[in-house]
N, C-alpha and C. Protein backbone atom coordinates (compact mmCIF):
# COMPACT_ATOMS: atom_id res chain seq x y z
N UNK A 1 -6.09 7.85 -21.36
CA UNK A 1 -5.41 7.18 -20.27
C UNK A 1 -4.57 8.21 -19.54
N UNK A 2 -4.60 8.16 -18.23
CA UNK A 2 -3.87 9.13 -17.42
C UNK A 2 -2.85 8.41 -16.53
N UNK A 3 -1.68 9.01 -16.40
CA UNK A 3 -0.64 8.53 -15.51
C UNK A 3 -0.93 9.14 -14.14
N UNK A 4 -1.14 8.29 -13.11
CA UNK A 4 -1.58 8.80 -11.81
C UNK A 4 -0.86 8.12 -10.65
N UNK A 5 -0.98 8.78 -9.52
CA UNK A 5 -0.54 8.26 -8.24
C UNK A 5 -1.79 8.23 -7.37
N UNK A 6 -2.08 7.11 -6.73
CA UNK A 6 -3.23 7.01 -5.83
C UNK A 6 -2.68 7.15 -4.41
N UNK A 7 -2.71 8.39 -3.89
CA UNK A 7 -2.21 8.64 -2.55
C UNK A 7 -3.28 8.29 -1.52
N UNK A 8 -2.83 7.78 -0.40
CA UNK A 8 -3.72 7.38 0.68
C UNK A 8 -4.17 8.63 1.42
N UNK A 9 -5.46 8.91 1.45
CA UNK A 9 -5.97 10.16 2.03
C UNK A 9 -5.65 10.27 3.53
N UNK A 10 -5.61 9.16 4.26
CA UNK A 10 -5.28 9.20 5.69
C UNK A 10 -3.84 9.64 5.92
N UNK A 11 -2.95 9.34 4.97
CA UNK A 11 -1.54 9.71 5.06
C UNK A 11 -1.00 9.85 3.64
N UNK A 12 -1.04 11.06 3.07
CA UNK A 12 -0.63 11.26 1.68
C UNK A 12 0.85 10.98 1.38
N UNK A 13 1.64 10.61 2.41
CA UNK A 13 3.02 10.19 2.15
C UNK A 13 3.05 8.73 1.70
N UNK A 14 1.87 8.09 1.69
CA UNK A 14 1.73 6.71 1.25
C UNK A 14 0.86 6.66 0.00
N UNK A 15 1.09 5.63 -0.81
CA UNK A 15 0.33 5.46 -2.05
C UNK A 15 0.08 3.99 -2.33
N UNK A 16 -0.92 3.74 -3.16
CA UNK A 16 -1.19 2.38 -3.61
C UNK A 16 0.01 1.91 -4.43
N UNK A 17 0.52 0.73 -4.11
CA UNK A 17 1.68 0.23 -4.84
C UNK A 17 1.86 -1.26 -4.67
N UNK A 18 3.00 -1.73 -5.11
CA UNK A 18 3.39 -3.13 -5.01
C UNK A 18 4.87 -3.18 -4.63
N UNK A 19 5.34 -4.34 -4.24
CA UNK A 19 6.77 -4.49 -3.97
C UNK A 19 7.47 -5.20 -5.12
N UNK A 20 6.69 -5.69 -6.09
CA UNK A 20 7.24 -6.45 -7.20
C UNK A 20 6.37 -6.24 -8.44
N UNK A 21 7.00 -6.12 -9.58
CA UNK A 21 6.28 -5.90 -10.84
C UNK A 21 5.93 -7.21 -11.53
N UNK A 22 5.43 -8.19 -10.80
CA UNK A 22 5.10 -9.49 -11.37
C UNK A 22 3.63 -9.82 -11.14
N UNK A 23 3.09 -10.61 -12.04
CA UNK A 23 1.72 -11.08 -11.89
C UNK A 23 1.60 -11.84 -10.57
N UNK A 24 0.52 -11.58 -9.84
CA UNK A 24 0.29 -12.22 -8.56
C UNK A 24 0.80 -11.40 -7.38
N UNK A 25 1.53 -10.32 -7.64
CA UNK A 25 2.04 -9.49 -6.54
C UNK A 25 0.88 -8.80 -5.84
N UNK A 26 0.87 -8.85 -4.49
CA UNK A 26 -0.21 -8.19 -3.75
C UNK A 26 -0.02 -6.67 -3.73
N UNK A 27 -1.14 -5.95 -3.68
CA UNK A 27 -1.10 -4.50 -3.53
C UNK A 27 -0.94 -4.15 -2.06
N UNK A 28 -0.20 -3.06 -1.81
CA UNK A 28 0.02 -2.59 -0.45
C UNK A 28 0.31 -1.10 -0.47
N UNK A 29 0.32 -0.49 0.70
CA UNK A 29 0.72 0.90 0.80
C UNK A 29 2.23 0.98 0.67
N UNK A 30 2.70 1.95 -0.12
CA UNK A 30 4.12 2.17 -0.33
C UNK A 30 4.42 3.66 -0.17
N UNK A 31 5.65 4.00 0.13
CA UNK A 31 6.05 5.39 0.29
C UNK A 31 6.03 6.12 -1.05
N UNK A 32 5.52 7.36 -1.04
CA UNK A 32 5.51 8.14 -2.27
C UNK A 32 6.92 8.55 -2.69
N UNK A 33 7.88 8.44 -1.78
CA UNK A 33 9.28 8.76 -2.13
C UNK A 33 10.04 7.52 -2.56
N UNK A 34 9.36 6.37 -2.61
CA UNK A 34 9.99 5.13 -3.03
C UNK A 34 10.11 5.04 -4.54
N UNK A 35 10.39 3.86 -5.02
CA UNK A 35 10.57 3.60 -6.44
C UNK A 35 9.28 3.91 -7.21
N UNK A 36 9.31 4.91 -8.11
CA UNK A 36 8.08 5.26 -8.84
C UNK A 36 7.56 4.14 -9.71
N UNK A 37 8.41 3.19 -10.10
CA UNK A 37 7.95 2.06 -10.90
C UNK A 37 6.97 1.18 -10.14
N UNK A 38 6.94 1.31 -8.82
CA UNK A 38 6.09 0.46 -7.99
C UNK A 38 4.83 1.17 -7.50
N UNK A 39 4.69 2.48 -7.81
CA UNK A 39 3.53 3.23 -7.31
C UNK A 39 2.83 4.07 -8.38
N UNK A 40 3.32 4.02 -9.61
CA UNK A 40 2.73 4.83 -10.68
C UNK A 40 1.81 3.96 -11.53
N UNK A 41 0.62 4.47 -11.77
CA UNK A 41 -0.44 3.71 -12.43
C UNK A 41 -0.96 4.44 -13.65
N UNK A 42 -1.47 3.67 -14.60
CA UNK A 42 -2.26 4.21 -15.71
C UNK A 42 -3.71 3.92 -15.36
N UNK A 43 -4.55 4.96 -15.42
CA UNK A 43 -5.98 4.74 -15.22
C UNK A 43 -6.69 5.13 -16.50
N UNK A 44 -7.44 4.18 -17.04
CA UNK A 44 -8.18 4.41 -18.26
C UNK A 44 -9.67 4.39 -17.93
N UNK A 45 -10.32 5.56 -17.89
CA UNK A 45 -11.75 5.58 -17.53
C UNK A 45 -12.65 4.93 -18.58
N UNK A 46 -12.14 4.70 -19.78
CA UNK A 46 -12.97 4.06 -20.81
C UNK A 46 -13.12 2.56 -20.56
N UNK A 47 -11.99 1.87 -20.31
CA UNK A 47 -12.10 0.43 -20.03
C UNK A 47 -12.06 0.16 -18.53
N UNK A 48 -11.84 1.21 -17.73
CA UNK A 48 -11.86 1.17 -16.27
C UNK A 48 -10.77 0.31 -15.66
N UNK A 49 -9.66 0.15 -16.39
CA UNK A 49 -8.53 -0.62 -15.86
C UNK A 49 -7.54 0.30 -15.17
N UNK A 50 -6.97 -0.18 -14.07
CA UNK A 50 -5.86 0.48 -13.39
C UNK A 50 -4.67 -0.44 -13.58
N UNK A 51 -3.69 0.01 -14.38
CA UNK A 51 -2.53 -0.84 -14.68
C UNK A 51 -1.26 -0.20 -14.15
N UNK A 52 -0.33 -1.04 -13.70
CA UNK A 52 0.96 -0.57 -13.22
C UNK A 52 1.73 -0.04 -14.43
N UNK A 53 2.08 1.24 -14.41
CA UNK A 53 2.69 1.89 -15.58
C UNK A 53 3.97 1.19 -16.02
N UNK A 54 4.79 0.75 -15.08
CA UNK A 54 6.09 0.16 -15.42
C UNK A 54 5.99 -1.28 -15.91
N UNK A 55 4.79 -1.86 -15.91
CA UNK A 55 4.66 -3.27 -16.29
C UNK A 55 4.45 -3.47 -17.78
N UNK A 56 4.59 -2.41 -18.57
CA UNK A 56 4.52 -2.54 -20.03
C UNK A 56 3.11 -2.44 -20.56
N UNK A 57 2.95 -2.91 -21.80
CA UNK A 57 1.66 -2.84 -22.49
C UNK A 57 1.18 -4.25 -22.76
N UNK A 58 -0.01 -4.65 -22.42
CA UNK A 58 -1.07 -3.82 -21.89
C UNK A 58 -0.90 -3.50 -20.41
N UNK A 59 0.02 -4.13 -19.72
CA UNK A 59 0.27 -3.82 -18.32
C UNK A 59 -0.50 -4.71 -17.38
N UNK A 60 0.11 -4.98 -16.23
CA UNK A 60 -0.56 -5.75 -15.19
C UNK A 60 -1.58 -4.85 -14.50
N UNK A 61 -2.76 -5.38 -14.23
CA UNK A 61 -3.82 -4.53 -13.68
C UNK A 61 -4.25 -4.98 -12.29
N UNK A 62 -4.85 -4.05 -11.57
CA UNK A 62 -5.40 -4.31 -10.24
C UNK A 62 -6.56 -5.28 -10.41
N UNK A 63 -6.50 -6.39 -9.67
CA UNK A 63 -7.44 -7.49 -9.85
C UNK A 63 -7.93 -8.03 -8.51
N UNK A 64 -9.18 -8.43 -8.48
CA UNK A 64 -9.72 -9.15 -7.33
C UNK A 64 -9.41 -10.63 -7.58
N UNK A 65 -8.53 -11.23 -6.79
CA UNK A 65 -8.17 -12.63 -7.05
C UNK A 65 -9.36 -13.55 -6.87
N UNK A 66 -9.43 -14.55 -7.73
CA UNK A 66 -10.52 -15.52 -7.66
C UNK A 66 -11.82 -15.01 -8.22
N UNK A 67 -11.84 -13.76 -8.73
CA UNK A 67 -13.05 -13.18 -9.31
C UNK A 67 -14.25 -13.42 -8.41
N UNK A 68 -14.09 -13.06 -7.13
CA UNK A 68 -15.16 -13.29 -6.17
C UNK A 68 -15.29 -12.11 -5.21
N UNK A 69 -16.51 -11.79 -4.85
CA UNK A 69 -16.77 -10.69 -3.92
C UNK A 69 -16.82 -11.17 -2.48
N UNK A 70 -16.67 -12.46 -2.24
CA UNK A 70 -16.79 -12.98 -0.88
C UNK A 70 -15.47 -12.82 -0.12
N UNK A 71 -15.60 -12.63 1.18
CA UNK A 71 -14.43 -12.44 2.03
C UNK A 71 -13.85 -11.05 1.82
N UNK A 72 -12.59 -10.88 2.19
CA UNK A 72 -11.89 -9.61 2.00
C UNK A 72 -10.54 -9.90 1.34
N UNK A 73 -10.57 -10.24 0.06
CA UNK A 73 -9.33 -10.63 -0.60
C UNK A 73 -8.36 -9.45 -0.76
N UNK A 74 -7.06 -9.75 -0.57
CA UNK A 74 -6.02 -8.76 -0.84
C UNK A 74 -5.91 -8.63 -2.36
N UNK A 75 -5.95 -7.40 -2.85
CA UNK A 75 -5.89 -7.16 -4.30
C UNK A 75 -4.50 -7.50 -4.81
N UNK A 76 -4.42 -7.84 -6.10
CA UNK A 76 -3.13 -8.19 -6.68
C UNK A 76 -3.06 -7.80 -8.15
N UNK A 77 -1.84 -7.88 -8.69
CA UNK A 77 -1.62 -7.61 -10.11
C UNK A 77 -1.87 -8.87 -10.91
N UNK A 78 -2.53 -8.73 -12.05
CA UNK A 78 -2.75 -9.85 -12.98
C UNK A 78 -2.77 -9.30 -14.40
N UNK A 79 -2.59 -10.20 -15.36
CA UNK A 79 -2.74 -9.82 -16.76
C UNK A 79 -4.19 -9.44 -17.01
N UNK A 80 -4.44 -8.38 -17.76
CA UNK A 80 -5.84 -8.02 -18.03
C UNK A 80 -6.53 -9.05 -18.92
N UNK A 81 -7.78 -9.30 -18.62
CA UNK A 81 -8.60 -10.20 -19.43
C UNK A 81 -9.25 -9.39 -20.55
N UNK A 82 -9.63 -10.05 -21.65
CA UNK A 82 -10.40 -9.32 -22.67
C UNK A 82 -11.71 -8.82 -22.05
N UNK A 83 -12.14 -7.63 -22.43
CA UNK A 83 -13.35 -7.07 -21.85
C UNK A 83 -14.57 -7.94 -22.13
N UNK A 84 -14.49 -8.81 -23.12
CA UNK A 84 -15.60 -9.71 -23.43
C UNK A 84 -15.69 -10.86 -22.41
N UNK A 85 -14.64 -11.07 -21.62
CA UNK A 85 -14.63 -12.12 -20.60
C UNK A 85 -15.45 -11.64 -19.41
N UNK A 86 -16.36 -12.47 -18.93
CA UNK A 86 -17.24 -12.08 -17.82
C UNK A 86 -16.44 -11.72 -16.57
N UNK A 87 -15.28 -12.32 -16.37
CA UNK A 87 -14.48 -12.04 -15.17
C UNK A 87 -13.71 -10.73 -15.26
N UNK A 88 -13.71 -10.07 -16.43
CA UNK A 88 -12.97 -8.81 -16.56
C UNK A 88 -13.54 -7.73 -15.64
N UNK A 89 -14.81 -7.87 -15.24
CA UNK A 89 -15.41 -6.87 -14.34
C UNK A 89 -14.71 -6.86 -12.98
N UNK A 90 -13.97 -7.91 -12.64
CA UNK A 90 -13.23 -7.96 -11.39
C UNK A 90 -11.86 -7.28 -11.53
N UNK A 91 -11.62 -6.70 -12.70
CA UNK A 91 -10.41 -5.92 -12.97
C UNK A 91 -10.75 -4.47 -13.31
N UNK A 92 -12.00 -4.12 -13.21
CA UNK A 92 -12.45 -2.78 -13.59
C UNK A 92 -12.83 -1.98 -12.34
N UNK A 93 -12.50 -0.65 -12.40
CA UNK A 93 -12.65 0.22 -11.24
C UNK A 93 -13.23 1.56 -11.63
N UNK A 94 -14.03 2.12 -10.73
CA UNK A 94 -14.59 3.46 -10.92
C UNK A 94 -14.09 4.36 -9.79
N UNK A 95 -13.87 5.62 -10.14
CA UNK A 95 -13.57 6.62 -9.12
C UNK A 95 -14.88 7.31 -8.75
N UNK A 96 -15.20 7.34 -7.47
CA UNK A 96 -16.46 7.94 -7.02
C UNK A 96 -16.20 9.02 -5.99
N UNK A 97 -16.93 10.11 -6.09
CA UNK A 97 -16.92 11.15 -5.07
C UNK A 97 -15.80 12.15 -5.21
N UNK A 98 -15.94 13.26 -4.45
CA UNK A 98 -14.91 14.29 -4.48
C UNK A 98 -13.67 13.81 -3.73
N UNK A 99 -13.87 13.10 -2.63
CA UNK A 99 -12.79 12.33 -2.04
C UNK A 99 -12.96 10.97 -2.67
N UNK A 100 -11.95 10.52 -3.37
CA UNK A 100 -12.13 9.38 -4.25
C UNK A 100 -12.18 8.04 -3.52
N UNK A 101 -13.17 7.28 -3.89
CA UNK A 101 -13.28 5.88 -3.51
C UNK A 101 -13.08 5.09 -4.80
N UNK A 102 -12.29 4.04 -4.76
CA UNK A 102 -12.08 3.19 -5.93
C UNK A 102 -12.99 1.99 -5.77
N UNK A 103 -14.08 2.00 -6.52
CA UNK A 103 -15.12 0.99 -6.43
C UNK A 103 -14.95 -0.06 -7.51
N UNK A 104 -15.10 -1.31 -7.12
CA UNK A 104 -15.02 -2.41 -8.07
C UNK A 104 -16.28 -2.46 -8.93
N UNK A 105 -16.12 -2.66 -10.22
CA UNK A 105 -17.27 -2.84 -11.11
C UNK A 105 -17.93 -4.19 -10.81
N UNK A 106 -17.11 -5.21 -10.56
CA UNK A 106 -17.64 -6.55 -10.30
C UNK A 106 -18.28 -6.71 -8.93
N UNK A 107 -17.86 -5.90 -7.98
CA UNK A 107 -18.38 -5.95 -6.61
C UNK A 107 -18.73 -4.51 -6.23
N UNK A 108 -19.85 -4.03 -6.76
CA UNK A 108 -20.16 -2.59 -6.74
C UNK A 108 -20.33 -1.98 -5.35
N UNK A 109 -20.52 -2.77 -4.32
CA UNK A 109 -20.65 -2.22 -2.97
C UNK A 109 -19.33 -2.26 -2.20
N UNK A 110 -18.25 -2.65 -2.91
CA UNK A 110 -16.96 -2.80 -2.23
C UNK A 110 -15.91 -1.91 -2.88
N UNK A 111 -14.93 -1.50 -2.06
CA UNK A 111 -13.92 -0.54 -2.51
C UNK A 111 -12.52 -0.98 -2.07
N UNK A 112 -11.51 -0.31 -2.64
CA UNK A 112 -10.13 -0.52 -2.22
C UNK A 112 -9.97 0.09 -0.83
N UNK A 113 -9.43 -0.68 0.10
CA UNK A 113 -9.36 -0.31 1.50
C UNK A 113 -8.01 -0.76 2.06
N UNK A 114 -7.43 0.03 2.98
CA UNK A 114 -6.19 -0.38 3.66
C UNK A 114 -6.58 -1.28 4.83
N UNK A 115 -6.01 -2.46 4.85
CA UNK A 115 -6.36 -3.46 5.85
C UNK A 115 -6.18 -2.90 7.26
N UNK A 116 -7.21 -3.03 8.07
CA UNK A 116 -7.20 -2.61 9.47
C UNK A 116 -6.86 -1.13 9.67
N UNK A 117 -7.10 -0.30 8.64
CA UNK A 117 -6.86 1.15 8.72
C UNK A 117 -5.42 1.48 9.13
N UNK A 118 -4.49 0.66 8.78
CA UNK A 118 -3.11 0.86 9.20
C UNK A 118 -2.34 1.71 8.20
N UNK A 119 -2.01 2.97 8.56
CA UNK A 119 -1.27 3.83 7.64
C UNK A 119 0.24 3.57 7.75
N UNK A 120 0.68 2.45 7.19
CA UNK A 120 2.10 2.09 7.25
C UNK A 120 2.53 1.42 5.96
N UNK A 121 3.78 1.62 5.59
CA UNK A 121 4.33 0.96 4.40
C UNK A 121 4.16 -0.55 4.58
N UNK A 122 3.66 -1.19 3.53
CA UNK A 122 3.47 -2.64 3.55
C UNK A 122 2.08 -3.10 3.93
N UNK A 123 1.23 -2.18 4.39
CA UNK A 123 -0.15 -2.57 4.74
C UNK A 123 -0.86 -3.08 3.49
N UNK A 124 -1.40 -4.30 3.53
CA UNK A 124 -2.10 -4.84 2.36
C UNK A 124 -3.34 -4.01 2.01
N UNK A 125 -3.63 -3.95 0.72
CA UNK A 125 -4.85 -3.31 0.23
C UNK A 125 -5.82 -4.41 -0.16
N UNK A 126 -7.00 -4.34 0.38
CA UNK A 126 -7.98 -5.40 0.15
C UNK A 126 -9.29 -4.81 -0.34
N UNK A 127 -10.16 -5.69 -0.76
CA UNK A 127 -11.51 -5.32 -1.16
C UNK A 127 -12.37 -5.40 0.09
N UNK A 128 -13.11 -4.31 0.37
CA UNK A 128 -13.87 -4.27 1.60
C UNK A 128 -15.18 -3.53 1.33
N UNK A 129 -16.26 -3.90 2.03
CA UNK A 129 -17.52 -3.20 1.83
C UNK A 129 -17.37 -1.69 2.12
N UNK A 130 -17.97 -0.87 1.29
CA UNK A 130 -17.92 0.57 1.46
C UNK A 130 -18.53 0.96 2.80
N UNK A 131 -17.80 1.78 3.59
CA UNK A 131 -18.33 2.30 4.84
C UNK A 131 -17.98 3.77 5.03
N UNK A 132 -17.29 4.37 4.05
CA UNK A 132 -16.96 5.78 4.10
C UNK A 132 -15.79 6.13 5.00
N UNK A 133 -15.11 5.13 5.53
CA UNK A 133 -14.01 5.42 6.46
C UNK A 133 -12.82 6.05 5.72
N UNK A 134 -11.95 6.73 6.46
CA UNK A 134 -10.75 7.31 5.84
C UNK A 134 -9.85 6.25 5.20
N UNK A 135 -9.93 5.02 5.67
CA UNK A 135 -9.10 3.94 5.12
C UNK A 135 -9.48 3.59 3.68
N UNK A 136 -10.60 4.12 3.22
CA UNK A 136 -11.10 3.82 1.88
C UNK A 136 -10.96 5.00 0.93
N UNK A 137 -10.31 6.07 1.36
CA UNK A 137 -10.26 7.29 0.56
C UNK A 137 -8.88 7.49 -0.06
N UNK A 138 -8.90 7.97 -1.29
CA UNK A 138 -7.68 8.13 -2.08
C UNK A 138 -7.65 9.51 -2.73
N UNK A 139 -6.46 10.03 -2.90
CA UNK A 139 -6.23 11.28 -3.62
C UNK A 139 -5.59 10.89 -4.94
N UNK A 140 -6.23 11.22 -6.04
CA UNK A 140 -5.70 10.86 -7.35
C UNK A 140 -4.89 12.05 -7.87
N UNK A 141 -3.59 11.85 -8.00
CA UNK A 141 -2.68 12.90 -8.47
C UNK A 141 -2.20 12.56 -9.87
N UNK A 142 -2.46 13.46 -10.82
CA UNK A 142 -1.99 13.25 -12.19
C UNK A 142 -0.49 13.49 -12.26
N UNK A 143 0.19 12.68 -13.05
CA UNK A 143 1.63 12.80 -13.22
C UNK A 143 1.97 12.95 -14.70
N UNK A 144 3.12 13.47 -14.96
CA UNK A 144 3.66 13.53 -16.31
C UNK A 144 4.80 12.53 -16.40
N UNK A 145 5.09 12.03 -17.58
CA UNK A 145 6.19 11.09 -17.76
C UNK A 145 7.50 11.70 -17.25
N UNK A 146 7.66 13.01 -17.42
CA UNK A 146 8.89 13.68 -16.96
C UNK A 146 9.02 13.61 -15.44
N UNK A 147 7.88 13.64 -14.70
CA UNK A 147 7.91 13.52 -13.24
C UNK A 147 8.53 12.18 -12.84
N UNK A 148 8.15 11.13 -13.55
CA UNK A 148 8.64 9.79 -13.25
C UNK A 148 10.14 9.70 -13.53
N UNK A 149 10.58 10.19 -14.67
CA UNK A 149 12.00 10.15 -15.02
C UNK A 149 12.83 10.91 -13.99
N UNK A 150 12.34 12.08 -13.57
CA UNK A 150 13.05 12.89 -12.58
C UNK A 150 13.17 12.15 -11.25
N UNK A 151 12.10 11.49 -10.84
CA UNK A 151 12.11 10.76 -9.58
C UNK A 151 13.08 9.57 -9.64
N UNK A 152 13.12 8.87 -10.77
CA UNK A 152 14.06 7.75 -10.93
C UNK A 152 15.50 8.24 -10.88
N UNK A 153 15.78 9.39 -11.48
CA UNK A 153 17.14 9.94 -11.44
C UNK A 153 17.54 10.29 -10.02
N UNK A 154 16.61 10.83 -9.23
CA UNK A 154 16.89 11.14 -7.84
C UNK A 154 17.22 9.88 -7.05
N UNK A 155 16.51 8.80 -7.31
CA UNK A 155 16.76 7.53 -6.62
C UNK A 155 18.14 6.98 -6.97
N UNK A 156 18.54 7.11 -8.24
CA UNK A 156 19.85 6.61 -8.67
C UNK A 156 20.98 7.35 -7.98
N UNK A 157 20.78 8.64 -7.71
CA UNK A 157 21.81 9.46 -7.04
C UNK A 157 21.94 9.10 -5.57
N UNK A 158 20.84 8.67 -4.96
CA UNK A 158 20.82 8.40 -3.52
C UNK A 158 21.60 7.16 -3.14
C-alpha cells in the first residue's frame, strides 16, 4: 500500500480530495496546500482500493455511487465492501498509462474526470467515458508519513 497524492495534471496545484472525511462525501478538486487529511490517499494495487488516508482502517474508499456505470455520477467516499461482494468492483481502480488515468474496474471504459474540465477548487470529480482529455489525467506522487505530519504542523502555525 502506498501513501499518495493524486495531482490534477491540468493544474498540479490541485489534487483529488474531499471537503469532509465522512461516508457519502463527494470527491472534488482541492488545493495541494490545503489540509492534507482531505487530499492524501492510500492506494493498494493488490485490492485496487483508493482510500482516504485520514479516514482510518480500513478507510473510506473512492466509490461509484449506486454501483452503476450509467450517467456521469459524482464519485464519493463509502465504506469498502468485501471483495467477494459483486458491487466491490465499483470501488476498485487501476492506474493506466505514463500519464495516469484512474480507470474503474466496474466500468472499464470510464475514468475519474474533473467535471466540465474546470481546474478550480471544488470542481466535482465524476465518472466519465475515457476520451484522453487533460481533465482525465493525474500525476501520482508518493508521500511519506513524515511529509503529512510536516504539512499539518505548517497548517497549525498559519
